[in-house]
């Protein structure tokens, strides 16, 4: 699998994502600066990492969504290429409308940083197939703007089309219908607030997110 990680000013999980990809795929990920206007040839996967792009100025992900490289990322997604947005990356995906809804301030207005239990709502996606028969996992979160919100019609459509991929078992941020991760209608773009790259190596003491990257390698 050939992958790339987009680096924005304020990204703080870009190297973590790249290391997770290299550990699991055996190939280094390309690091692409946000001002670039093209992506490396032959990419299978683009990762928008967690962090605080542009310091979350205006609102989380709003300025990163206007970065020059995002036109190439959108084109990649529209061609059917895989895109994974983690935490701030999920926020960027909603700002570009590659995914519906928005990520608002956590209920209680407090930053949440802990390991959370997740239900794998759809195990038959390019991002979750490697979980096999596993229906629950644990992956850390670290966000202040992680409350997924959308109108009822959008929420009903996401659920009816099987596009809710992960749900919180003990909702830490007030997300509508406990939603922690969703995919687009084509199934090639996923956004999730938990950080699978922080739970992908036994040396870190947790591997609940490893199957996300293994799934993508299988899909590619």
C-alpha atoms as a PDB file:
ATOM      1  CA  UNK A   1       0.000   0.000   0.000  1.00  0.00           C
ATOM      2  CA  UNK A   2       1.302   3.422  -0.964  1.00  0.00           C
ATOM      3  CA  UNK A   3       0.233   6.071   1.537  1.00  0.00           C
ATOM      4  CA  UNK A   4       0.706   9.740   2.358  1.00  0.00           C
ATOM      5  CA  UNK A   5       0.125  11.830   5.482  1.00  0.00           C
ATOM      6  CA  UNK A   6      -0.820  15.490   5.064  1.00  0.00           C
ATOM      7  CA  UNK A   7       1.033  17.890   7.387  1.00  0.00           C
ATOM      8  CA  UNK A   8      -0.694  21.115   8.409  1.00  0.00           C
ATOM      9  CA  UNK A   9       0.683  23.868  10.649  1.00  0.00           C
ATOM     10  CA  UNK A  10      -0.276  22.579  14.094  1.00  0.00           C
ATOM     11  CA  UNK A  11      -0.493  18.869  13.214  1.00  0.00           C
ATOM     12  CA  UNK A  12       0.812  16.857  16.161  1.00  0.00           C
ATOM     13  CA  UNK A  13      -0.032  13.290  15.173  1.00  0.00           C
ATOM     14  CA  UNK A  14       1.367  13.249  11.659  1.00  0.00           C
ATOM     15  CA  UNK A  15       4.528  11.330  12.607  1.00  0.00           C
ATOM     16  CA  UNK A  16       2.534   8.929  14.763  1.00  0.00           C
ATOM     17  CA  UNK A  17       0.269   8.128  11.817  1.00  0.00           C
ATOM     18  CA  UNK A  18       3.255   7.676   9.500  1.00  0.00           C
ATOM     19  CA  UNK A  19       4.986   5.352  11.974  1.00  0.00           C
ATOM     20  CA  UNK A  20       1.836   3.259  12.363  1.00  0.00           C
ATOM     21  CA  UNK A  21       1.527   2.926   8.597  1.00  0.00           C
ATOM     22  CA  UNK A  22       5.184   1.948   8.211  1.00  0.00           C
ATOM     23  CA  UNK A  23       5.009  -0.630  11.018  1.00  0.00           C
ATOM     24  CA  UNK A  24       1.983  -2.338   9.530  1.00  0.00           C
ATOM     25  CA  UNK A  25       2.589  -1.989   5.787  1.00  0.00           C
ATOM     26  CA  UNK A  26       6.380  -2.203   5.824  1.00  0.00           C
ATOM     27  CA  UNK A  27       6.597   0.869   3.591  1.00  0.00           C
ATOM     28  CA  UNK A  28       7.269   4.488   4.629  1.00  0.00           C
ATOM     29  CA  UNK A  29       4.459   6.982   4.157  1.00  0.00           C
ATOM     30  CA  UNK A  30       5.088  10.172   2.187  1.00  0.00           C
ATOM     31  CA  UNK A  31       4.822  13.365   4.260  1.00  0.00           C
ATOM     32  CA  UNK A  32       3.001  15.995   2.195  1.00  0.00           C
ATOM     33  CA  UNK A  33       3.102  19.665   3.235  1.00  0.00           C
ATOM     34  CA  UNK A  34      -0.237  21.479   3.174  1.00  0.00           C
ATOM     35  CA  UNK A  35       0.975  24.051   0.623  1.00  0.00           C
ATOM     36  CA  UNK A  36       1.754  21.380  -1.958  1.00  0.00           C
ATOM     37  CA  UNK A  37      -0.741  21.249  -4.803  1.00  0.00           C
ATOM     38  CA  UNK A  38      -0.211  17.639  -5.865  1.00  0.00           C
ATOM     39  CA  UNK A  39       0.032  14.237  -4.225  1.00  0.00           C
ATOM     40  CA  UNK A  40       2.616  11.530  -4.988  1.00  0.00           C
ATOM     41  CA  UNK A  41       1.691   9.338  -7.951  1.00  0.00           C
ATOM     42  CA  UNK A  42      -0.013   6.020  -7.370  1.00  0.00           C
ATOM     43  CA  UNK A  43      -1.322   6.668  -3.867  1.00  0.00           C
ATOM     44  CA  UNK A  44      -3.781   4.231  -2.330  1.00  0.00           C
ATOM     45  CA  UNK A  45      -4.372   6.110   0.932  1.00  0.00           C
ATOM     46  CA  UNK A  46      -4.252   9.691   2.200  1.00  0.00           C
ATOM     47  CA  UNK A  47      -4.334  10.309   5.955  1.00  0.00           C
ATOM     48  CA  UNK A  48      -5.399  13.631   7.474  1.00  0.00           C
ATOM     49  CA  UNK A  49      -3.865  13.402  10.965  1.00  0.00           C
ATOM     50  CA  UNK A  50      -4.885  14.693  14.356  1.00  0.00           C
ATOM     51  CA  UNK A  51      -3.659  17.885  15.922  1.00  0.00           C
ATOM     52  CA  UNK A  52      -4.684  21.507  15.994  1.00  0.00           C
ATOM     53  CA  UNK A  53      -4.315  22.723  12.412  1.00  0.00           C
ATOM     54  CA  UNK A  54      -3.851  26.500  12.401  1.00  0.00           C
ATOM     55  CA  UNK A  55      -4.326  26.379  16.165  1.00  0.00           C
ATOM     56  CA  UNK A  56      -8.059  25.665  15.659  1.00  0.00           C
ATOM     57  CA  UNK A  57      -8.395  29.346  14.735  1.00  0.00           C
ATOM     58  CA  UNK A  58     -11.932  30.269  13.605  1.00  0.00           C
ATOM     59  CA  UNK A  59     -13.131  26.701  14.175  1.00  0.00           C
ATOM     60  CA  UNK A  60     -11.418  23.324  14.092  1.00  0.00           C
ATOM     61  CA  UNK A  61     -10.419  22.287  10.573  1.00  0.00           C
ATOM     62  CA  UNK A  62     -11.903  25.359   8.864  1.00  0.00           C
ATOM     63  CA  UNK A  63      -8.616  26.875   7.720  1.00  0.00           C
ATOM     64  CA  UNK A  64      -6.943  23.540   6.921  1.00  0.00           C
ATOM     65  CA  UNK A  65      -9.856  22.754   4.606  1.00  0.00           C
ATOM     66  CA  UNK A  66      -8.752  25.708   2.462  1.00  0.00           C
ATOM     67  CA  UNK A  67      -5.105  24.567   2.209  1.00  0.00           C
ATOM     68  CA  UNK A  68      -3.869  24.131  -1.383  1.00  0.00           C
ATOM     69  CA  UNK A  69      -3.311  20.380  -0.973  1.00  0.00           C
ATOM     70  CA  UNK A  70      -6.968  19.740  -0.161  1.00  0.00           C
ATOM     71  CA  UNK A  71      -7.990  20.140  -3.805  1.00  0.00           C
ATOM     72  CA  UNK A  72      -5.737  17.180  -4.604  1.00  0.00           C
ATOM     73  CA  UNK A  73      -7.121  15.222  -1.636  1.00  0.00           C
ATOM     74  CA  UNK A  74     -10.691  15.852  -2.807  1.00  0.00           C
ATOM     75  CA  UNK A  75      -9.759  14.734  -6.332  1.00  0.00           C
ATOM     76  CA  UNK A  76      -8.156  11.589  -4.877  1.00  0.00           C
ATOM     77  CA  UNK A  77     -11.369  10.804  -2.965  1.00  0.00           C
ATOM     78  CA  UNK A  78     -13.575  11.494  -5.969  1.00  0.00           C
ATOM     79  CA  UNK A  79     -11.493   9.009  -7.987  1.00  0.00           C
ATOM     80  CA  UNK A  80     -12.233   6.374  -5.350  1.00  0.00           C
ATOM     81  CA  UNK A  81      -8.956   6.658  -3.432  1.00  0.00           C
ATOM     82  CA  UNK A  82      -8.967   5.906   0.277  1.00  0.00           C
ATOM     83  CA  UNK A  83      -8.963   8.801   2.743  1.00  0.00           C
ATOM     84  CA  UNK A  84      -8.763   8.519   6.532  1.00  0.00           C
ATOM     85  CA  UNK A  85      -9.316  11.562   8.723  1.00  0.00           C
ATOM     86  CA  UNK A  86      -8.359  11.175  12.387  1.00  0.00           C
ATOM     87  CA  UNK A  87      -9.596  13.671  15.003  1.00  0.00           C
ATOM     88  CA  UNK A  88      -8.645  17.043  13.466  1.00  0.00           C
ATOM     89  CA  UNK A  89      -8.600  15.212  10.144  1.00  0.00           C
ATOM     90  CA  UNK A  90     -12.256  14.244  10.683  1.00  0.00           C
ATOM     91  CA  UNK A  91     -13.022  17.912  11.308  1.00  0.00           C
ATOM     92  CA  UNK A  92     -11.276  18.825   8.041  1.00  0.00           C
ATOM     93  CA  UNK A  93     -13.324  16.221   6.156  1.00  0.00           C
ATOM     94  CA  UNK A  94     -16.587  17.740   7.378  1.00  0.00           C
ATOM     95  CA  UNK A  95     -15.361  21.234   6.510  1.00  0.00           C
ATOM     96  CA  UNK A  96     -14.612  20.127   2.930  1.00  0.00           C
ATOM     97  CA  UNK A  97     -17.977  18.301   2.804  1.00  0.00           C
ATOM     98  CA  UNK A  98     -16.318  15.013   1.996  1.00  0.00           C
ATOM     99  CA  UNK A  99     -18.292  13.870   5.042  1.00  0.00           C
ATOM    100  CA  UNK A 100     -21.591  15.235   6.388  1.00  0.00           C
ATOM    101  CA  UNK A 101     -22.230  16.798   9.776  1.00  0.00           C
ATOM    102  CA  UNK A 102     -19.850  18.791  11.954  1.00  0.00           C
ATOM    103  CA  UNK A 103     -17.714  18.431  15.085  1.00  0.00           C
ATOM    104  CA  UNK A 104     -18.746  20.834  17.858  1.00  0.00           C
ATOM    105  CA  UNK A 105     -17.453  21.593  21.350  1.00  0.00           C
ATOM    106  CA  UNK A 106     -17.630  18.646  23.717  1.00  0.00           C
ATOM    107  CA  UNK A 107     -20.600  18.546  26.039  1.00  0.00           C
ATOM    108  CA  UNK A 108     -19.421  20.119  29.278  1.00  0.00           C
ATOM    109  CA  UNK A 109     -16.882  22.213  27.314  1.00  0.00           C
ATOM    110  CA  UNK A 110     -13.923  20.178  28.586  1.00  0.00           C
ATOM    111  CA  UNK A 111     -11.051  18.590  26.693  1.00  0.00           C
ATOM    112  CA  UNK A 112     -11.393  14.783  26.745  1.00  0.00           C
ATOM    113  CA  UNK A 113      -8.226  12.678  26.776  1.00  0.00           C
ATOM    114  CA  UNK A 114      -8.625   8.999  27.672  1.00  0.00           C
ATOM    115  CA  UNK A 115      -9.080   5.529  26.279  1.00  0.00           C
ATOM    116  CA  UNK A 116     -12.655   4.817  25.246  1.00  0.00           C
ATOM    117  CA  UNK A 117     -14.621   1.686  24.450  1.00  0.00           C
ATOM    118  CA  UNK A 118     -16.097   1.555  20.956  1.00  0.00           C
ATOM    119  CA  UNK A 119     -18.652  -0.613  19.219  1.00  0.00           C
ATOM    120  CA  UNK A 120     -17.698  -1.530  15.658  1.00  0.00           C
ATOM    121  CA  UNK A 121     -21.048  -0.776  14.054  1.00  0.00           C
ATOM    122  CA  UNK A 122     -20.023  -1.730  10.530  1.00  0.00           C
ATOM    123  CA  UNK A 123     -17.285  -4.324  10.236  1.00  0.00           C
ATOM    124  CA  UNK A 124     -17.593  -4.651   6.482  1.00  0.00           C
ATOM    125  CA  UNK A 125     -15.790  -1.530   5.295  1.00  0.00           C
ATOM    126  CA  UNK A 126     -12.354  -0.842   3.851  1.00  0.00           C
ATOM    127  CA  UNK A 127     -11.452   0.556   7.279  1.00  0.00           C
ATOM    128  CA  UNK A 128     -12.790  -2.218   9.539  1.00  0.00           C
ATOM    129  CA  UNK A 129     -12.712  -5.605   7.786  1.00  0.00           C
ATOM    130  CA  UNK A 130      -9.587  -6.725   9.648  1.00  0.00           C
ATOM    131  CA  UNK A 131     -11.519  -6.662  12.921  1.00  0.00           C
ATOM    132  CA  UNK A 132     -13.164  -9.872  11.622  1.00  0.00           C
ATOM    133  CA  UNK A 133     -15.593 -11.089  14.302  1.00  0.00           C
ATOM    134  CA  UNK A 134     -14.538  -8.483  16.876  1.00  0.00           C
ATOM    135  CA  UNK A 135     -17.390  -6.093  17.600  1.00  0.00           C
ATOM    136  CA  UNK A 136     -15.828  -3.924  20.294  1.00  0.00           C
ATOM    137  CA  UNK A 137     -12.442  -2.280  20.719  1.00  0.00           C
ATOM    138  CA  UNK A 138     -10.668   0.395  22.773  1.00  0.00           C
ATOM    139  CA  UNK A 139      -8.924   3.416  21.224  1.00  0.00           C
ATOM    140  CA  UNK A 140      -7.790   6.677  22.882  1.00  0.00           C
ATOM    141  CA  UNK A 141      -9.385  10.057  22.262  1.00  0.00           C
ATOM    142  CA  UNK A 142      -7.864  13.524  22.705  1.00  0.00           C
ATOM    143  CA  UNK A 143     -10.129  16.373  21.632  1.00  0.00           C
ATOM    144  CA  UNK A 144     -12.063  19.415  22.731  1.00  0.00           C
ATOM    145  CA  UNK A 145     -14.266  19.649  19.634  1.00  0.00           C
ATOM    146  CA  UNK A 146     -15.364  16.070  19.097  1.00  0.00           C
ATOM    147  CA  UNK A 147     -19.141  16.154  19.525  1.00  0.00           C
ATOM    148  CA  UNK A 148     -20.597  14.918  16.232  1.00  0.00           C
ATOM    149  CA  UNK A 149     -23.699  16.842  15.233  1.00  0.00           C
ATOM    150  CA  UNK A 150     -26.050  16.652  12.245  1.00  0.00           C
ATOM    151  CA  UNK A 151     -29.735  17.133  11.561  1.00  0.00           C
ATOM    152  CA  UNK A 152     -32.089  14.214  12.118  1.00  0.00           C
ATOM    153  CA  UNK A 153     -32.465  13.495   8.408  1.00  0.00           C
ATOM    154  CA  UNK A 154     -28.697  13.184   7.995  1.00  0.00           C
ATOM    155  CA  UNK A 155     -28.384  11.012  11.095  1.00  0.00           C
ATOM    156  CA  UNK A 156     -31.196   8.742   9.879  1.00  0.00           C
ATOM    157  CA  UNK A 157     -29.526   8.448   6.474  1.00  0.00           C
ATOM    158  CA  UNK A 158     -26.136   7.591   7.999  1.00  0.00           C
ATOM    159  CA  UNK A 159     -27.679   4.874  10.126  1.00  0.00           C
ATOM    160  CA  UNK A 160     -29.981   3.557   7.416  1.00  0.00           C
ATOM    161  CA  UNK A 161     -27.117   3.258   4.926  1.00  0.00           C
ATOM    162  CA  UNK A 162     -24.752   1.565   7.407  1.00  0.00           C
ATOM    163  CA  UNK A 163     -22.379   4.528   7.365  1.00  0.00           C
ATOM    164  CA  UNK A 164     -21.898   4.730  11.127  1.00  0.00           C
ATOM    165  CA  UNK A 165     -18.667   2.777  11.575  1.00  0.00           C
ATOM    166  CA  UNK A 166     -17.774   3.341  15.243  1.00  0.00           C
ATOM    167  CA  UNK A 167     -19.969   4.265  18.238  1.00  0.00           C
ATOM    168  CA  UNK A 168     -18.985   5.200  21.759  1.00  0.00           C
ATOM    169  CA  UNK A 169     -20.149   2.724  24.385  1.00  0.00           C
ATOM    170  CA  UNK A 170     -19.838   5.434  27.046  1.00  0.00           C
ATOM    171  CA  UNK A 171     -20.250   8.695  25.127  1.00  0.00           C
ATOM    172  CA  UNK A 172     -17.450  11.030  26.310  1.00  0.00           C
ATOM    173  CA  UNK A 173     -18.427  14.156  24.390  1.00  0.00           C
ATOM    174  CA  UNK A 174     -22.186  14.167  23.771  1.00  0.00           C
ATOM    175  CA  UNK A 175     -22.011  13.064  20.133  1.00  0.00           C
ATOM    176  CA  UNK A 176     -25.379  12.535  18.485  1.00  0.00           C
ATOM    177  CA  UNK A 177     -26.384   8.870  18.673  1.00  0.00           C
ATOM    178  CA  UNK A 178     -22.973   8.045  20.190  1.00  0.00           C
ATOM    179  CA  UNK A 179     -21.285   8.416  16.786  1.00  0.00           C
ATOM    180  CA  UNK A 180     -17.474   8.189  16.850  1.00  0.00           C
ATOM    181  CA  UNK A 181     -16.750   7.518  13.170  1.00  0.00           C
ATOM    182  CA  UNK A 182     -18.556   7.583   9.815  1.00  0.00           C
ATOM    183  CA  UNK A 183     -17.883   6.850   6.138  1.00  0.00           C
ATOM    184  CA  UNK A 184     -19.053   8.530   2.953  1.00  0.00           C
ATOM    185  CA  UNK A 185     -21.644   7.009   0.644  1.00  0.00           C
ATOM    186  CA  UNK A 186     -18.968   5.370  -1.558  1.00  0.00           C
ATOM    187  CA  UNK A 187     -17.224   3.838   1.447  1.00  0.00           C
ATOM    188  CA  UNK A 188     -13.753   5.174   0.590  1.00  0.00           C
ATOM    189  CA  UNK A 189     -13.598   8.131   3.031  1.00  0.00           C
ATOM    190  CA  UNK A 190     -13.773   7.705   6.796  1.00  0.00           C
ATOM    191  CA  UNK A 191     -13.538  10.188   9.649  1.00  0.00           C
ATOM    192  CA  UNK A 192     -13.123   9.146  13.273  1.00  0.00           C
ATOM    193  CA  UNK A 193     -12.416  11.089  16.448  1.00  0.00           C
ATOM    194  CA  UNK A 194     -10.488   8.311  18.299  1.00  0.00           C
ATOM    195  CA  UNK A 195      -6.785   7.916  17.437  1.00  0.00           C
ATOM    196  CA  UNK A 196      -6.054   4.427  16.011  1.00  0.00           C
ATOM    197  CA  UNK A 197      -2.368   5.321  15.519  1.00  0.00           C
ATOM    198  CA  UNK A 198      -2.039   5.573  19.316  1.00  0.00           C
ATOM    199  CA  UNK A 199      -3.328   2.023  19.705  1.00  0.00           C
ATOM    200  CA  UNK A 200      -1.474   0.154  16.988  1.00  0.00           C
ATOM    201  CA  UNK A 201       1.700  -1.193  18.598  1.00  0.00           C
ATOM    202  CA  UNK A 202       2.069  -3.557  21.582  1.00  0.00           C
ATOM    203  CA  UNK A 203       4.923  -1.397  22.872  1.00  0.00           C
ATOM    204  CA  UNK A 204       2.320   1.314  23.477  1.00  0.00           C
ATOM    205  CA  UNK A 205       0.308  -1.069  25.617  1.00  0.00           C
ATOM    206  CA  UNK A 206      -2.701  -1.148  23.309  1.00  0.00           C
ATOM    207  CA  UNK A 207      -3.522  -2.442  19.820  1.00  0.00           C
ATOM    208  CA  UNK A 208      -7.247  -1.678  19.493  1.00  0.00           C
ATOM    209  CA  UNK A 209      -6.683   0.596  16.510  1.00  0.00           C
ATOM    210  CA  UNK A 210      -4.240  -1.594  14.606  1.00  0.00           C
ATOM    211  CA  UNK A 211      -6.989  -3.288  12.582  1.00  0.00           C
ATOM    212  CA  UNK A 212      -7.940   0.048  11.005  1.00  0.00           C
ATOM    213  CA  UNK A 213      -4.557   0.152   9.244  1.00  0.00           C
ATOM    214  CA  UNK A 214      -4.582  -3.598   8.547  1.00  0.00           C
ATOM    215  CA  UNK A 215      -8.006  -3.192   6.935  1.00  0.00           C
ATOM    216  CA  UNK A 216      -6.726  -0.416   4.689  1.00  0.00           C
ATOM    217  CA  UNK A 217      -3.749  -2.519   3.636  1.00  0.00           C
ATOM    218  CA  UNK A 218      -6.133  -5.342   2.661  1.00  0.00           C
ATOM    219  CA  UNK A 219      -8.395  -2.933   0.784  1.00  0.00           C
ATOM    220  CA  UNK A 220      -5.466  -1.450  -1.136  1.00  0.00           C
END
